[in-house]
């Protein structure tokens, strides 16, 4: 069965966030069979992972670390896909 859905959510600690709003729950989600969990460390990787997640026929949980919200980087080529996502197809 194919369920192409991407759920995007924030995670992680940011100054001023409460203890319950600063958790990184990706280890818990990684133990759900059939759910892919992705996160990134650079804007370029985030762009490629999101494009790859949108093409995936399986459910994907896309997690943005709050510390990367204001991070800037170079724009990759328009059809850029993350290398790890290409290998998994």
PDB file of N, CA and C in Angstrom:
ATOM      1  N   UNK A   1       0.841  -1.165   0.000  1.00  0.00           N
ATOM      2  CA  UNK A   1       0.000   0.000   0.000  1.00  0.00           C
ATOM      3  C   UNK A   1       0.897   1.241   0.000  1.00  0.00           C
ATOM      4  N   UNK A   2       0.558   2.194  -0.781  1.00  0.00           N
ATOM      5  CA  UNK A   2       1.322   3.440  -0.880  1.00  0.00           C
ATOM      6  C   UNK A   2       0.573   4.564  -0.168  1.00  0.00           C
ATOM      7  N   UNK A   3       1.272   5.239   0.738  1.00  0.00           N
ATOM      8  CA  UNK A   3       0.694   6.386   1.450  1.00  0.00           C
ATOM      9  C   UNK A   3       1.675   7.551   1.330  1.00  0.00           C
ATOM     10  N   UNK A   4       1.615   8.311   0.241  1.00  0.00           N
ATOM     11  CA  UNK A   4       2.560   9.415   0.048  1.00  0.00           C
ATOM     12  C   UNK A   4       2.159  10.653   0.857  1.00  0.00           C
ATOM     13  N   UNK A   5       2.725  10.776   2.059  1.00  0.00           N
ATOM     14  CA  UNK A   5       2.451  11.935   2.906  1.00  0.00           C
ATOM     15  C   UNK A   5       3.762  12.386   3.557  1.00  0.00           C
ATOM     16  N   UNK A   6       3.926  13.700   3.666  1.00  0.00           N
ATOM     17  CA  UNK A   6       5.083  14.277   4.349  1.00  0.00           C
ATOM     18  C   UNK A   6       4.555  15.132   5.489  1.00  0.00           C
ATOM     19  N   UNK A   7       5.011  14.831   6.688  1.00  0.00           N
ATOM     20  CA  UNK A   7       4.658  15.614   7.869  1.00  0.00           C
ATOM     21  C   UNK A   7       5.900  16.387   8.276  1.00  0.00           C
ATOM     22  N   UNK A   8       5.793  17.701   8.301  1.00  0.00           N
ATOM     23  CA  UNK A   8       6.932  18.560   8.644  1.00  0.00           C
ATOM     24  C   UNK A   8       6.689  19.141  10.034  1.00  0.00           C
ATOM     25  N   UNK A   9       7.692  19.023  10.912  1.00  0.00           N
ATOM     26  CA  UNK A   9       7.530  19.473  12.291  1.00  0.00           C
ATOM     27  C   UNK A   9       8.848  20.021  12.829  1.00  0.00           C
ATOM     28  N   UNK A  10       8.774  20.993  13.753  1.00  0.00           N
ATOM     29  CA  UNK A  10       9.998  21.504  14.389  1.00  0.00           C
ATOM     30  C   UNK A  10      10.429  20.583  15.523  1.00  0.00           C
ATOM     31  N   UNK A  11      11.706  20.639  15.854  1.00  0.00           N
ATOM     32  CA  UNK A  11      12.236  19.883  16.982  1.00  0.00           C
ATOM     33  C   UNK A  11      13.413  20.633  17.563  1.00  0.00           C
ATOM     34  N   UNK A  12      13.836  20.237  18.728  1.00  0.00           N
ATOM     35  CA  UNK A  12      15.075  20.732  19.309  1.00  0.00           C
ATOM     36  C   UNK A  12      14.924  21.940  20.207  1.00  0.00           C
ATOM     37  N   UNK A  13      16.028  22.268  20.826  1.00  0.00           N
ATOM     38  CA  UNK A  13      16.088  23.348  21.801  1.00  0.00           C
ATOM     39  C   UNK A  13      16.397  24.675  21.126  1.00  0.00           C
ATOM     40  N   UNK A  14      15.688  25.693  21.551  1.00  0.00           N
ATOM     41  CA  UNK A  14      15.965  27.059  21.144  1.00  0.00           C
ATOM     42  C   UNK A  14      15.828  27.899  22.401  1.00  0.00           C
ATOM     43  N   UNK A  15      16.689  28.851  22.557  1.00  0.00           N
ATOM     44  CA  UNK A  15      16.706  29.633  23.785  1.00  0.00           C
ATOM     45  C   UNK A  15      15.324  30.198  24.089  1.00  0.00           C
ATOM     46  N   UNK A  16      14.867  29.998  25.307  1.00  0.00           N
ATOM     47  CA  UNK A  16      13.567  30.492  25.718  1.00  0.00           C
ATOM     48  C   UNK A  16      12.452  29.466  25.575  1.00  0.00           C
ATOM     49  N   UNK A  17      12.740  28.310  25.003  1.00  0.00           N
ATOM     50  CA  UNK A  17      11.727  27.276  24.849  1.00  0.00           C
ATOM     51  C   UNK A  17      11.585  26.476  26.130  1.00  0.00           C
ATOM     52  N   UNK A  18      10.389  26.075  26.442  1.00  0.00           N
ATOM     53  CA  UNK A  18      10.141  25.277  27.630  1.00  0.00           C
ATOM     54  C   UNK A  18      10.661  23.862  27.472  1.00  0.00           C
ATOM     55  N   UNK A  19      10.785  23.173  28.585  1.00  0.00           N
ATOM     56  CA  UNK A  19      11.338  21.813  28.572  1.00  0.00           C
ATOM     57  C   UNK A  19      10.516  20.860  27.706  1.00  0.00           C
ATOM     58  N   UNK A  20       9.205  20.999  27.724  1.00  0.00           N
ATOM     59  CA  UNK A  20       8.365  20.101  26.947  1.00  0.00           C
ATOM     60  C   UNK A  20       8.294  20.490  25.473  1.00  0.00           C
ATOM     61  N   UNK A  21       8.734  21.681  25.129  1.00  0.00           N
ATOM     62  CA  UNK A  21       8.699  22.136  23.746  1.00  0.00           C
ATOM     63  C   UNK A  21      10.064  22.048  23.074  1.00  0.00           C
ATOM     64  N   UNK A  22      11.043  21.505  23.780  1.00  0.00           N
ATOM     65  CA  UNK A  22      12.408  21.479  23.264  1.00  0.00           C
ATOM     66  C   UNK A  22      12.922  20.071  23.012  1.00  0.00           C
ATOM     67  N   UNK A  23      12.075  19.101  23.067  1.00  0.00           N
ATOM     68  CA  UNK A  23      12.528  17.726  22.922  1.00  0.00           C
ATOM     69  C   UNK A  23      12.828  17.335  21.491  1.00  0.00           C
ATOM     70  N   UNK A  24      13.668  16.345  21.350  1.00  0.00           N
ATOM     71  CA  UNK A  24      13.952  15.721  20.057  1.00  0.00           C
ATOM     72  C   UNK A  24      13.384  14.316  20.119  1.00  0.00           C
ATOM     73  N   UNK A  25      12.214  14.127  19.567  1.00  0.00           N
ATOM     74  CA  UNK A  25      11.515  12.856  19.671  1.00  0.00           C
ATOM     75  C   UNK A  25      11.764  11.919  18.494  1.00  0.00           C
ATOM     76  N   UNK A  26      12.738  12.247  17.633  1.00  0.00           N
ATOM     77  CA  UNK A  26      12.950  11.400  16.462  1.00  0.00           C
ATOM     78  C   UNK A  26      13.345   9.972  16.821  1.00  0.00           C
ATOM     79  N   UNK A  27      14.055   9.699  17.944  1.00  0.00           N
ATOM     80  CA  UNK A  27      14.333   8.286  18.247  1.00  0.00           C
ATOM     81  C   UNK A  27      13.048   7.471  18.455  1.00  0.00           C
ATOM     82  N   UNK A  28      12.028   8.077  19.038  1.00  0.00           N
ATOM     83  CA  UNK A  28      10.773   7.377  19.239  1.00  0.00           C
ATOM     84  C   UNK A  28      10.095   7.101  17.893  1.00  0.00           C
ATOM     85  N   UNK A  29      10.069   8.089  17.021  1.00  0.00           N
ATOM     86  CA  UNK A  29       9.426   7.912  15.714  1.00  0.00           C
ATOM     87  C   UNK A  29      10.182   6.926  14.832  1.00  0.00           C
ATOM     88  N   UNK A  30      11.484   6.804  15.025  1.00  0.00           N
ATOM     89  CA  UNK A  30      12.273   5.886  14.195  1.00  0.00           C
ATOM     90  C   UNK A  30      11.895   4.421  14.432  1.00  0.00           C
ATOM     91  N   UNK A  31      11.223   4.122  15.526  1.00  0.00           N
ATOM     92  CA  UNK A  31      10.839   2.752  15.831  1.00  0.00           C
ATOM     93  C   UNK A  31       9.442   2.394  15.323  1.00  0.00           C
ATOM     94  N   UNK A  32       8.842   3.263  14.536  1.00  0.00           N
ATOM     95  CA  UNK A  32       7.532   2.974  13.943  1.00  0.00           C
ATOM     96  C   UNK A  32       7.763   2.356  12.566  1.00  0.00           C
ATOM     97  N   UNK A  33       7.357   1.102  12.376  1.00  0.00           N
ATOM     98  CA  UNK A  33       7.590   0.442  11.089  1.00  0.00           C
ATOM     99  C   UNK A  33       6.902   1.177   9.934  1.00  0.00           C
ATOM    100  N   UNK A  34       7.626   1.330   8.841  1.00  0.00           N
ATOM    101  CA  UNK A  34       7.076   1.943   7.634  1.00  0.00           C
ATOM    102  C   UNK A  34       7.180   3.450   7.583  1.00  0.00           C
ATOM    103  N   UNK A  35       7.609   4.096   8.666  1.00  0.00           N
ATOM    104  CA  UNK A  35       7.734   5.557   8.704  1.00  0.00           C
ATOM    105  C   UNK A  35       9.188   5.954   8.519  1.00  0.00           C
ATOM    106  N   UNK A  36       9.449   6.819   7.549  1.00  0.00           N
ATOM    107  CA  UNK A  36      10.801   7.343   7.355  1.00  0.00           C
ATOM    108  C   UNK A  36      10.929   8.646   8.128  1.00  0.00           C
ATOM    109  N   UNK A  37      12.034   8.815   8.841  1.00  0.00           N
ATOM    110  CA  UNK A  37      12.291  10.020   9.627  1.00  0.00           C
ATOM    111  C   UNK A  37      13.558  10.659   9.075  1.00  0.00           C
ATOM    112  N   UNK A  38      13.458  11.942   8.666  1.00  0.00           N
ATOM    113  CA  UNK A  38      14.619  12.640   8.120  1.00  0.00           C
ATOM    114  C   UNK A  38      14.802  13.978   8.826  1.00  0.00           C
ATOM    115  N   UNK A  39      16.050  14.379   8.934  1.00  0.00           N
ATOM    116  CA  UNK A  39      16.414  15.701   9.430  1.00  0.00           C
ATOM    117  C   UNK A  39      17.692  16.100   8.715  1.00  0.00           C
ATOM    118  N   UNK A  40      18.087  17.331   8.824  1.00  0.00           N
ATOM    119  CA  UNK A  40      19.220  17.823   8.043  1.00  0.00           C
ATOM    120  C   UNK A  40      20.097  18.737   8.892  1.00  0.00           C
ATOM    121  N   UNK A  41      21.288  19.056   8.364  1.00  0.00           N
ATOM    122  CA  UNK A  41      22.214  19.931   9.087  1.00  0.00           C
ATOM    123  C   UNK A  41      22.618  21.164   8.286  1.00  0.00           C
ATOM    124  N   UNK A  42      22.291  21.210   7.011  1.00  0.00           N
ATOM    125  CA  UNK A  42      22.590  22.379   6.182  1.00  0.00           C
ATOM    126  C   UNK A  42      21.368  22.719   5.340  1.00  0.00           C
ATOM    127  N   UNK A  43      21.229  23.968   4.900  1.00  0.00           N
ATOM    128  CA  UNK A  43      20.097  24.321   4.035  1.00  0.00           C
ATOM    129  C   UNK A  43      20.050  23.511   2.734  1.00  0.00           C
ATOM    130  N   UNK A  44      21.200  23.217   2.171  1.00  0.00           N
ATOM    131  CA  UNK A  44      21.247  22.439   0.930  1.00  0.00           C
ATOM    132  C   UNK A  44      20.705  21.034   1.157  1.00  0.00           C
ATOM    133  N   UNK A  45      21.117  20.396   2.265  1.00  0.00           N
ATOM    134  CA  UNK A  45      20.603  19.066   2.575  1.00  0.00           C
ATOM    135  C   UNK A  45      19.104  19.106   2.844  1.00  0.00           C
ATOM    136  N   UNK A  46      18.640  20.144   3.516  1.00  0.00           N
ATOM    137  CA  UNK A  46      17.211  20.278   3.788  1.00  0.00           C
ATOM    138  C   UNK A  46      16.399  20.386   2.509  1.00  0.00           C
ATOM    139  N   UNK A  47      16.900  21.157   1.564  1.00  0.00           N
ATOM    140  CA  UNK A  47      16.232  21.311   0.269  1.00  0.00           C
ATOM    141  C   UNK A  47      16.146  19.966  -0.452  1.00  0.00           C
ATOM    142  N   UNK A  48      17.275  19.265  -0.514  1.00  0.00           N
ATOM    143  CA  UNK A  48      17.309  17.970  -1.197  1.00  0.00           C
ATOM    144  C   UNK A  48      16.457  16.919  -0.510  1.00  0.00           C
ATOM    145  N   UNK A  49      16.470  16.912   0.828  1.00  0.00           N
ATOM    146  CA  UNK A  49      15.658  15.946   1.559  1.00  0.00           C
ATOM    147  C   UNK A  49      14.164  16.211   1.374  1.00  0.00           C
ATOM    148  N   UNK A  50      13.769  17.470   1.380  1.00  0.00           N
ATOM    149  CA  UNK A  50      12.348  17.777   1.191  1.00  0.00           C
ATOM    150  C   UNK A  50      11.883  17.365  -0.198  1.00  0.00           C
ATOM    151  N   UNK A  51      12.690  17.643  -1.213  1.00  0.00           N
ATOM    152  CA  UNK A  51      12.319  17.232  -2.575  1.00  0.00           C
ATOM    153  C   UNK A  51      12.233  15.712  -2.681  1.00  0.00           C
ATOM    154  N   UNK A  52      13.157  15.005  -2.027  1.00  0.00           N
ATOM    155  CA  UNK A  52      13.139  13.547  -2.045  1.00  0.00           C
ATOM    156  C   UNK A  52      11.943  13.005  -1.272  1.00  0.00           C
ATOM    157  N   UNK A  53      11.614  13.638  -0.136  1.00  0.00           N
ATOM    158  CA  UNK A  53      10.479  13.193   0.673  1.00  0.00           C
ATOM    159  C   UNK A  53       9.160  13.364  -0.086  1.00  0.00           C
ATOM    160  N   UNK A  54       9.040  14.444  -0.839  1.00  0.00           N
ATOM    161  CA  UNK A  54       7.814  14.681  -1.597  1.00  0.00           C
ATOM    162  C   UNK A  54       7.611  13.670  -2.719  1.00  0.00           C
ATOM    163  N   UNK A  55       8.685  13.057  -3.180  1.00  0.00           N
ATOM    164  CA  UNK A  55       8.596  12.052  -4.246  1.00  0.00           C
ATOM    165  C   UNK A  55       8.439  10.636  -3.703  1.00  0.00           C
ATOM    166  N   UNK A  56       8.605  10.458  -2.416  1.00  0.00           N
ATOM    167  CA  UNK A  56       8.581   9.127  -1.813  1.00  0.00           C
ATOM    168  C   UNK A  56       7.145   8.613  -1.683  1.00  0.00           C
ATOM    169  N   UNK A  57       6.890   7.361  -2.046  1.00  0.00           N
ATOM    170  CA  UNK A  57       5.534   6.815  -1.924  1.00  0.00           C
ATOM    171  C   UNK A  57       5.172   6.408  -0.495  1.00  0.00           C
ATOM    172  N   UNK A  58       6.113   6.459   0.425  1.00  0.00           N
ATOM    173  CA  UNK A  58       5.883   6.066   1.814  1.00  0.00           C
ATOM    174  C   UNK A  58       5.746   7.302   2.697  1.00  0.00           C
ATOM    175  N   UNK A  59       5.174   7.165   3.898  1.00  0.00           N
ATOM    176  CA  UNK A  59       5.073   8.314   4.801  1.00  0.00           C
ATOM    177  C   UNK A  59       6.441   8.749   5.308  1.00  0.00           C
ATOM    178  N   UNK A  60       6.663  10.072   5.341  1.00  0.00           N
ATOM    179  CA  UNK A  60       7.936  10.641   5.770  1.00  0.00           C
ATOM    180  C   UNK A  60       7.674  11.699   6.835  1.00  0.00           C
ATOM    181  N   UNK A  61       8.424  11.632   7.934  1.00  0.00           N
ATOM    182  CA  UNK A  61       8.395  12.658   8.969  1.00  0.00           C
ATOM    183  C   UNK A  61       9.635  13.518   8.766  1.00  0.00           C
ATOM    184  N   UNK A  62       9.433  14.759   8.368  1.00  0.00           N
ATOM    185  CA  UNK A  62      10.521  15.698   8.050  1.00  0.00           C
ATOM    186  C   UNK A  62      10.675  16.641   9.242  1.00  0.00           C
ATOM    187  N   UNK A  63      11.804  16.547   9.963  1.00  0.00           N
ATOM    188  CA  UNK A  63      12.005  17.327  11.180  1.00  0.00           C
ATOM    189  C   UNK A  63      13.000  18.457  10.947  1.00  0.00           C
ATOM    190  N   UNK A  64      12.575  19.675  11.284  1.00  0.00           N
ATOM    191  CA  UNK A  64      13.429  20.861  11.201  1.00  0.00           C
ATOM    192  C   UNK A  64      13.921  21.205  12.601  1.00  0.00           C
ATOM    193  N   UNK A  65      15.229  21.284  12.783  1.00  0.00           N
ATOM    194  CA  UNK A  65      15.744  21.728  14.078  1.00  0.00           C
ATOM    195  C   UNK A  65      15.544  23.240  14.179  1.00  0.00           C
ATOM    196  N   UNK A  66      15.027  23.686  15.320  1.00  0.00           N
ATOM    197  CA  UNK A  66      14.722  25.106  15.508  1.00  0.00           C
ATOM    198  C   UNK A  66      15.952  25.987  15.363  1.00  0.00           C
ATOM    199  N   UNK A  67      17.127  25.461  15.668  1.00  0.00           N
ATOM    200  CA  UNK A  67      18.363  26.233  15.552  1.00  0.00           C
ATOM    201  C   UNK A  67      18.752  26.529  14.110  1.00  0.00           C
ATOM    202  N   UNK A  68      18.143  25.834  13.153  1.00  0.00           N
ATOM    203  CA  UNK A  68      18.466  26.034  11.732  1.00  0.00           C
ATOM    204  C   UNK A  68      17.467  26.928  11.008  1.00  0.00           C
ATOM    205  N   UNK A  69      16.460  27.439  11.711  1.00  0.00           N
ATOM    206  CA  UNK A  69      15.437  28.256  11.051  1.00  0.00           C
ATOM    207  C   UNK A  69      16.012  29.496  10.382  1.00  0.00           C
ATOM    208  N   UNK A  70      17.007  30.124  10.963  1.00  0.00           N
ATOM    209  CA  UNK A  70      17.594  31.347  10.390  1.00  0.00           C
ATOM    210  C   UNK A  70      18.891  31.078   9.640  1.00  0.00           C
ATOM    211  N   UNK A  71      19.209  29.821   9.402  1.00  0.00           N
ATOM    212  CA  UNK A  71      20.440  29.450   8.702  1.00  0.00           C
ATOM    213  C   UNK A  71      20.262  29.686   7.195  1.00  0.00           C
ATOM    214  N   UNK A  72      21.273  30.264   6.582  1.00  0.00           N
ATOM    215  CA  UNK A  72      21.228  30.525   5.143  1.00  0.00           C
ATOM    216  C   UNK A  72      22.352  29.767   4.453  1.00  0.00           C
ATOM    217  N   UNK A  73      22.140  29.444   3.196  1.00  0.00           N
ATOM    218  CA  UNK A  73      23.151  28.733   2.422  1.00  0.00           C
ATOM    219  C   UNK A  73      22.920  28.939   0.939  1.00  0.00           C
ATOM    220  N   UNK A  74      23.796  28.345   0.154  1.00  0.00           N
ATOM    221  CA  UNK A  74      23.693  28.468  -1.294  1.00  0.00           C
ATOM    222  C   UNK A  74      22.515  27.658  -1.811  1.00  0.00           C
ATOM    223  N   UNK A  75      21.872  28.165  -2.851  1.00  0.00           N
ATOM    224  CA  UNK A  75      20.783  27.432  -3.493  1.00  0.00           C
ATOM    225  C   UNK A  75      21.370  26.392  -4.427  1.00  0.00           C
ATOM    226  N   UNK A  76      20.974  25.134  -4.251  1.00  0.00           N
ATOM    227  CA  UNK A  76      21.463  24.096  -5.160  1.00  0.00           C
ATOM    228  C   UNK A  76      20.720  24.170  -6.488  1.00  0.00           C
ATOM    229  N   UNK A  77      21.117  23.331  -7.401  1.00  0.00           N
ATOM    230  CA  UNK A  77      20.434  23.266  -8.688  1.00  0.00           C
ATOM    231  C   UNK A  77      18.976  22.878  -8.451  1.00  0.00           C
ATOM    232  N   UNK A  78      18.045  23.305  -9.304  1.00  0.00           N
ATOM    233  CA  UNK A  78      16.615  23.077  -9.063  1.00  0.00           C
ATOM    234  C   UNK A  78      16.202  21.615  -8.885  1.00  0.00           C
ATOM    235  N   UNK A  79      16.871  20.675  -9.542  1.00  0.00           N
ATOM    236  CA  UNK A  79      16.463  19.269  -9.434  1.00  0.00           C
ATOM    237  C   UNK A  79      17.318  18.490  -8.439  1.00  0.00           C
ATOM    238  N   UNK A  80      17.931  19.169  -7.466  1.00  0.00           N
ATOM    239  CA  UNK A  80      18.805  18.536  -6.484  1.00  0.00           C
ATOM    240  C   UNK A  80      18.011  17.609  -5.568  1.00  0.00           C
ATOM    241  N   UNK A  81      18.499  16.389  -5.400  1.00  0.00           N
ATOM    242  CA  UNK A  81      17.943  15.422  -4.451  1.00  0.00           C
ATOM    243  C   UNK A  81      19.065  15.016  -3.507  1.00  0.00           C
ATOM    244  N   UNK A  82      18.736  14.768  -2.284  1.00  0.00           N
ATOM    245  CA  UNK A  82      19.742  14.378  -1.301  1.00  0.00           C
ATOM    246  C   UNK A  82      20.320  13.024  -1.687  1.00  0.00           C
ATOM    247  N   UNK A  83      21.634  12.872  -1.550  1.00  0.00           N
ATOM    248  CA  UNK A  83      22.288  11.643  -2.000  1.00  0.00           C
ATOM    249  C   UNK A  83      21.799  10.413  -1.235  1.00  0.00           C
ATOM    250  N   UNK A  84      21.530  10.520   0.079  1.00  0.00           N
ATOM    251  CA  UNK A  84      21.064   9.354   0.831  1.00  0.00           C
ATOM    252  C   UNK A  84      19.682   8.930   0.378  1.00  0.00           C
ATOM    253  N   UNK A  85      18.843   9.879  -0.006  1.00  0.00           N
ATOM    254  CA  UNK A  85      17.500   9.535  -0.469  1.00  0.00           C
ATOM    255  C   UNK A  85      17.558   8.868  -1.842  1.00  0.00           C
ATOM    256  N   UNK A  86      18.504   9.270  -2.681  1.00  0.00           N
ATOM    257  CA  UNK A  86      18.622   8.656  -4.005  1.00  0.00           C
ATOM    258  C   UNK A  86      19.034   7.205  -3.878  1.00  0.00           C
ATOM    259  N   UNK A  87      19.938   6.897  -2.919  1.00  0.00           N
ATOM    260  CA  UNK A  87      20.395   5.536  -2.740  1.00  0.00           C
ATOM    261  C   UNK A  87      19.278   4.615  -2.258  1.00  0.00           C
ATOM    262  N   UNK A  88      18.364   5.156  -1.464  1.00  0.00           N
ATOM    263  CA  UNK A  88      17.332   4.336  -0.840  1.00  0.00           C
ATOM    264  C   UNK A  88      16.229   3.943  -1.801  1.00  0.00           C
ATOM    265  N   UNK A  89      16.045   4.653  -2.888  1.00  0.00           N
ATOM    266  CA  UNK A  89      14.918   4.418  -3.812  1.00  0.00           C
ATOM    267  C   UNK A  89      14.918   3.013  -4.358  1.00  0.00           C
TER     268      UNK A  89
END
